[in-house]
C-alpha cells in the first residue's frame, strides 16, 4: 500500500521498522492517518521484530484533528474514538518491542498513541500532556487507563485534571517517559542502539516476556468504563463551544 500520511523505513537489515507520522502541520490524528496506521500495523505484525514510531520532521502529534471532529455527529465521534482505541490496543499487543520517539509535542491523542508503546523517549524541549479537560472531554482512547497503570492514581489525576502541558523533564520525573535527550539526533541514535541491543535476545523469549508482563496489568473492563464516561462529555457546553470555533 502507498501511504499518504506515513513513511515506513526498514532498519537493521529488515529486523525492525520505523513508522514516521507525516500529516502537516502538527501530525493531527485524522481519520485518514488512523486508517493508514491501522493498515500498517496489520501489515508489519508478522514481518518484523521491532517498531519505532516517530514523526517526519514535525512534532510527534498534537492529538485529534479538531477541525475534522467539529464536523462529526455524536455517533461518528464515538465510532472514530473506538477506532483510535482499537488501534492503540493493537499496537500495545504487538508481539515485539515498540518505542515512541517524542519531539516538539505529544498532546492528547498523540500522548495516548505513545502510551501504547513499550517505551517512550523524548527530546528535552518536547511539550507533553492531556489538555482534554480544558475543552470539555477526557482522554478517551485508553489514556486514563494506561497513564494510571504507568504512574499511579495521584499523578494521573494531576496530569488529567490540570490539563497542563508539561515539559519532558516533568514527564521524566513522573515516569511518563523513560529517557530524555538534548536533540532528536541524539534520541534517534540511542533508540536505534537500544532496539539493536534488545533484538540480540531470543525472539520467542521477548514475545513471551511481553505477553506475561502486559497480562499483569489486564483489567478487561476498565477501558469500557473510560468509553462510557467519554460519551457523557459529548454534550459538554465547553466541548461544543470549542469545536464550533473550528467550523468558522
Protein backbone atom coordinates (compact mmCIF):
# COMPACT_ATOMS: atom_id res chain seq x y z
CA UNK A 1 0.00 0.00 0.00
CA UNK A 2 1.18 3.51 -0.80
CA UNK A 3 0.84 5.75 2.25
CA UNK A 4 -0.02 9.43 2.22
CA UNK A 5 0.42 10.17 5.93
CA UNK A 6 3.12 7.65 6.88
CA UNK A 7 6.67 6.83 5.86
CA UNK A 8 7.96 3.33 6.61
CA UNK A 9 11.71 2.70 6.83
CA UNK A 10 13.30 -0.70 7.45
CA UNK A 11 16.20 -0.77 9.92
CA UNK A 12 18.92 -3.23 10.93
CA UNK A 13 18.70 -5.23 7.70
CA UNK A 14 14.94 -5.50 7.96
CA UNK A 15 14.80 -6.67 11.58
CA UNK A 16 12.69 -3.72 12.71
CA UNK A 17 10.69 -0.91 11.15
CA UNK A 18 10.42 2.85 11.69
CA UNK A 19 6.98 4.36 11.10
CA UNK A 20 7.16 8.14 10.60
CA UNK A 21 3.92 10.09 11.07
CA UNK A 22 3.63 12.71 8.32
CA UNK A 23 0.47 14.82 8.46
CA UNK A 24 1.41 18.53 8.39
CA UNK A 25 1.34 20.85 10.13
CA UNK A 26 1.03 19.15 13.56
CA UNK A 27 0.57 15.44 12.82
CA UNK A 28 -3.09 15.60 13.83
CA UNK A 29 -4.60 12.14 14.17
CA UNK A 30 -7.13 12.43 11.37
CA UNK A 31 -9.36 9.54 10.33
CA UNK A 32 -7.19 9.04 7.26
CA UNK A 33 -3.97 8.86 9.26
CA UNK A 34 -5.53 6.45 11.75
CA UNK A 35 -6.79 4.24 8.91
CA UNK A 36 -3.34 4.15 7.33
CA UNK A 37 -1.63 3.42 10.64
CA UNK A 38 -4.12 0.65 11.34
CA UNK A 39 -3.34 -0.94 7.97
CA UNK A 40 0.41 -0.54 8.53
CA UNK A 41 0.29 -2.20 11.95
CA UNK A 42 -1.57 -5.18 10.49
CA UNK A 43 0.98 -5.36 7.68
CA UNK A 44 4.11 -5.30 9.87
CA UNK A 45 2.87 -7.61 12.64
CA UNK A 46 4.44 -10.78 11.25
CA UNK A 47 7.22 -9.22 9.16
CA UNK A 48 9.41 -7.54 11.78
CA UNK A 49 10.77 -7.96 15.29
CA UNK A 50 10.50 -4.36 16.49
CA UNK A 51 8.82 -0.98 15.86
CA UNK A 52 9.80 2.64 16.40
CA UNK A 53 7.07 5.27 15.93
CA UNK A 54 8.23 8.84 15.36
CA UNK A 55 7.47 11.95 13.32
CA UNK A 56 8.76 13.08 9.94
CA UNK A 57 10.32 16.47 10.84
CA UNK A 58 7.05 17.57 12.50
CA UNK A 59 6.26 17.22 16.19
CA UNK A 60 5.15 13.76 17.29
CA UNK A 61 1.42 14.58 17.34
CA UNK A 62 -0.80 17.35 18.69
CA UNK A 63 -3.67 14.85 19.03
CA UNK A 64 -7.08 14.63 17.38
CA UNK A 65 -7.92 16.64 14.28
CA UNK A 66 -10.34 19.10 15.89
CA UNK A 67 -11.41 20.63 12.57
CA UNK A 68 -12.47 17.18 11.46
CA UNK A 69 -14.00 16.39 14.86
CA UNK A 70 -16.09 19.58 14.82
CA UNK A 71 -18.00 18.31 11.76
CA UNK A 72 -18.88 14.93 13.29
CA UNK A 73 -22.20 13.92 14.79
CA UNK A 74 -22.18 12.11 18.14
CA UNK A 75 -22.27 8.62 16.62
CA UNK A 76 -19.44 9.41 14.23
CA UNK A 77 -17.37 10.81 17.09
CA UNK A 78 -17.83 7.62 19.10
CA UNK A 79 -17.02 5.43 16.09
CA UNK A 80 -13.85 7.43 15.47
CA UNK A 81 -12.88 7.17 19.12
CA UNK A 82 -13.40 3.41 19.06
CA UNK A 83 -11.13 3.20 16.01
CA UNK A 84 -8.45 5.06 18.00
CA UNK A 85 -8.88 2.70 20.95
CA UNK A 86 -8.76 -0.43 18.81
CA UNK A 87 -5.64 0.76 17.00
CA UNK A 88 -3.79 1.69 20.19
CA UNK A 89 -4.71 -1.66 21.74
CA UNK A 90 -3.40 -3.38 18.61
CA UNK A 91 -0.10 -1.52 18.98
CA UNK A 92 0.08 -2.40 22.67
CA UNK A 93 -0.37 -6.09 21.82
CA UNK A 94 2.23 -6.27 19.05
CA UNK A 95 4.41 -9.34 19.72
CA UNK A 96 7.68 -7.39 19.75
CA UNK A 97 9.31 -4.34 21.41
CA UNK A 98 7.93 -0.91 20.50
CA UNK A 99 9.33 2.58 21.12
CA UNK A 100 7.73 6.01 20.63
CA UNK A 101 10.07 8.96 19.99
CA UNK A 102 8.54 12.25 21.11
CA UNK A 103 9.67 15.58 19.70
CA UNK A 104 8.21 19.11 19.99
CA UNK A 105 4.81 17.97 21.31
CA UNK A 106 2.88 14.86 22.25
CA UNK A 107 -0.57 16.00 23.30
CA UNK A 108 -3.97 14.37 23.81
CA UNK A 109 -4.39 11.50 21.38
CA UNK A 110 -0.72 11.85 20.43
CA UNK A 111 0.29 11.06 24.00
CA UNK A 112 -2.27 8.24 24.09
CA UNK A 113 -0.64 6.76 20.99
CA UNK A 114 2.78 6.88 22.66
CA UNK A 115 1.41 5.20 25.80
CA UNK A 116 0.55 2.15 23.68
CA UNK A 117 4.29 1.66 23.04
CA UNK A 118 6.55 -0.23 25.44
CA UNK A 119 8.93 2.72 25.82
CA UNK A 120 8.76 6.49 25.35
CA UNK A 121 11.82 8.66 24.71
CA UNK A 122 11.57 12.44 24.36
CA UNK A 123 13.63 15.45 23.35
CA UNK A 124 14.14 17.80 26.30
CA UNK A 125 12.18 20.62 24.64
CA UNK A 126 9.10 18.44 23.99
CA UNK A 127 5.76 19.51 25.49
CA UNK A 128 3.67 16.61 26.76
CA UNK A 129 0.18 16.47 28.24
CA UNK A 130 -3.53 15.76 28.23
CA UNK A 131 -5.35 19.08 27.59
CA UNK A 132 -8.73 17.37 27.12
CA UNK A 133 -10.49 18.57 30.28
CA UNK A 134 -9.86 22.18 29.20
CA UNK A 135 -12.08 21.58 26.14
CA UNK A 136 -14.80 19.62 27.92
CA UNK A 137 -13.76 16.00 27.32
CA UNK A 138 -11.42 13.36 28.75
CA UNK A 139 -8.66 11.25 27.21
CA UNK A 140 -10.90 8.59 25.69
CA UNK A 141 -8.64 6.28 23.68
CA UNK A 142 -7.09 4.40 26.57
CA UNK A 143 -5.23 7.34 28.10
CA UNK A 144 -6.87 7.35 31.53
CA UNK A 145 -6.17 3.64 31.92
CA UNK A 146 -2.64 3.39 30.53
CA UNK A 147 -1.41 6.51 32.30
CA UNK A 148 -2.78 5.30 35.64
CA UNK A 149 -1.16 1.88 35.24
CA UNK A 150 2.09 3.61 34.39
CA UNK A 151 2.34 6.32 37.06
CA UNK A 152 -0.43 5.67 39.60
CA UNK A 153 -3.71 7.29 40.57
CA UNK A 154 -2.50 10.52 42.14
CA UNK A 155 -0.08 11.56 39.41
CA UNK A 156 -2.56 10.58 36.70
CA UNK A 157 -5.18 12.82 38.27
CA UNK A 158 -2.66 15.67 38.36
CA UNK A 159 -1.90 15.22 34.67
CA UNK A 160 -5.51 14.86 33.51
CA UNK A 161 -7.36 17.17 35.94
CA UNK A 162 -4.92 20.06 35.36
CA UNK A 163 -4.95 19.81 31.53
CA UNK A 164 -1.40 21.15 31.86
CA UNK A 165 1.21 20.87 29.13
CA UNK A 166 4.24 19.50 30.93
CA UNK A 167 7.90 19.65 29.94
CA UNK A 168 9.77 16.48 29.04
CA UNK A 169 11.70 16.91 32.29
CA UNK A 170 8.40 16.89 34.24
CA UNK A 171 7.27 13.83 32.29
CA UNK A 172 10.54 12.04 33.01
CA UNK A 173 10.27 12.89 36.70
CA UNK A 174 6.72 11.46 36.79
CA UNK A 175 7.79 8.33 34.84
CA UNK A 176 5.58 9.13 31.83
CA UNK A 177 8.67 8.89 29.63
CA UNK A 178 11.72 6.67 30.05
CA UNK A 179 14.59 8.79 28.69
CA UNK A 180 15.18 12.43 27.72
CA UNK A 181 17.68 13.80 25.19
CA UNK A 182 19.07 17.16 24.12
CA UNK A 183 18.03 16.77 20.49
CA UNK A 184 16.31 14.46 18.03
CA UNK A 185 19.56 13.15 16.54
CA UNK A 186 20.80 12.02 19.95
CA UNK A 187 17.42 10.44 20.73
CA UNK A 188 17.24 8.52 17.45
CA UNK A 189 20.81 7.26 17.82
CA UNK A 190 20.06 5.97 21.31
CA UNK A 191 16.74 4.41 20.25
CA UNK A 192 18.37 2.55 17.36
CA UNK A 193 21.10 1.23 19.65
CA UNK A 194 18.58 0.26 22.32
CA UNK A 195 16.44 -1.62 19.82
CA UNK A 196 19.51 -3.37 18.39
CA UNK A 197 20.53 -4.44 21.90
CA UNK A 198 17.07 -5.83 22.68
CA UNK A 199 16.84 -7.71 19.40
CA UNK A 200 20.04 -9.61 20.15
CA UNK A 201 17.93 -11.65 22.55
CA UNK A 202 15.67 -14.59 21.70
CA UNK A 203 12.61 -13.50 19.69
CA UNK A 204 10.35 -16.15 21.26
CA UNK A 205 11.50 -15.18 24.76
CA UNK A 206 10.91 -11.48 24.09
CA UNK A 207 7.40 -12.20 22.88
CA UNK A 208 6.63 -14.42 25.88
CA UNK A 209 8.05 -11.84 28.28
CA UNK A 210 5.95 -9.04 26.78
CA UNK A 211 2.74 -11.06 26.95
CA UNK A 212 3.45 -12.05 30.54
CA UNK A 213 4.33 -8.52 31.68
CA UNK A 214 1.32 -6.97 29.93
CA UNK A 215 -1.04 -9.54 31.44
CA UNK A 216 -0.12 -8.35 34.93
CA UNK A 217 -1.97 -5.11 34.17
CA UNK A 218 -5.01 -6.63 32.47
CA UNK A 219 -8.36 -5.36 33.68
CA UNK A 220 -10.72 -6.15 30.83
CA UNK A 221 -13.50 -3.75 31.76
CA UNK A 222 -11.52 -0.59 32.54
CA UNK A 223 -11.43 0.83 29.02
CA UNK A 224 -15.17 0.13 28.76
CA UNK A 225 -15.62 2.44 31.76
CA UNK A 226 -13.50 5.09 30.04
CA UNK A 227 -15.56 4.83 26.85
CA UNK A 228 -18.81 5.16 28.81
CA UNK A 229 -17.53 8.23 30.63
CA UNK A 230 -16.27 9.81 27.41
CA UNK A 231 -19.76 9.55 25.94
CA UNK A 232 -21.04 11.69 28.80
CA UNK A 233 -18.76 14.54 27.75
CA UNK A 234 -20.21 14.79 24.24
CA UNK A 235 -22.94 17.13 25.48
CA UNK A 236 -20.47 19.34 27.34
CA UNK A 237 -21.18 23.04 26.54
CA UNK A 238 -17.45 23.78 26.62
CA UNK A 239 -16.72 20.99 24.13
CA UNK A 240 -19.41 22.27 21.76
CA UNK A 241 -18.20 25.85 22.04
CA UNK A 242 -14.58 24.89 21.35
CA UNK A 243 -15.45 22.73 18.34
CA UNK A 244 -17.70 25.44 16.88
CA UNK A 245 -14.61 27.64 16.60
CA UNK A 246 -13.10 25.13 14.17
CA UNK A 247 -16.10 25.43 11.86
CA UNK A 248 -15.53 29.14 11.25
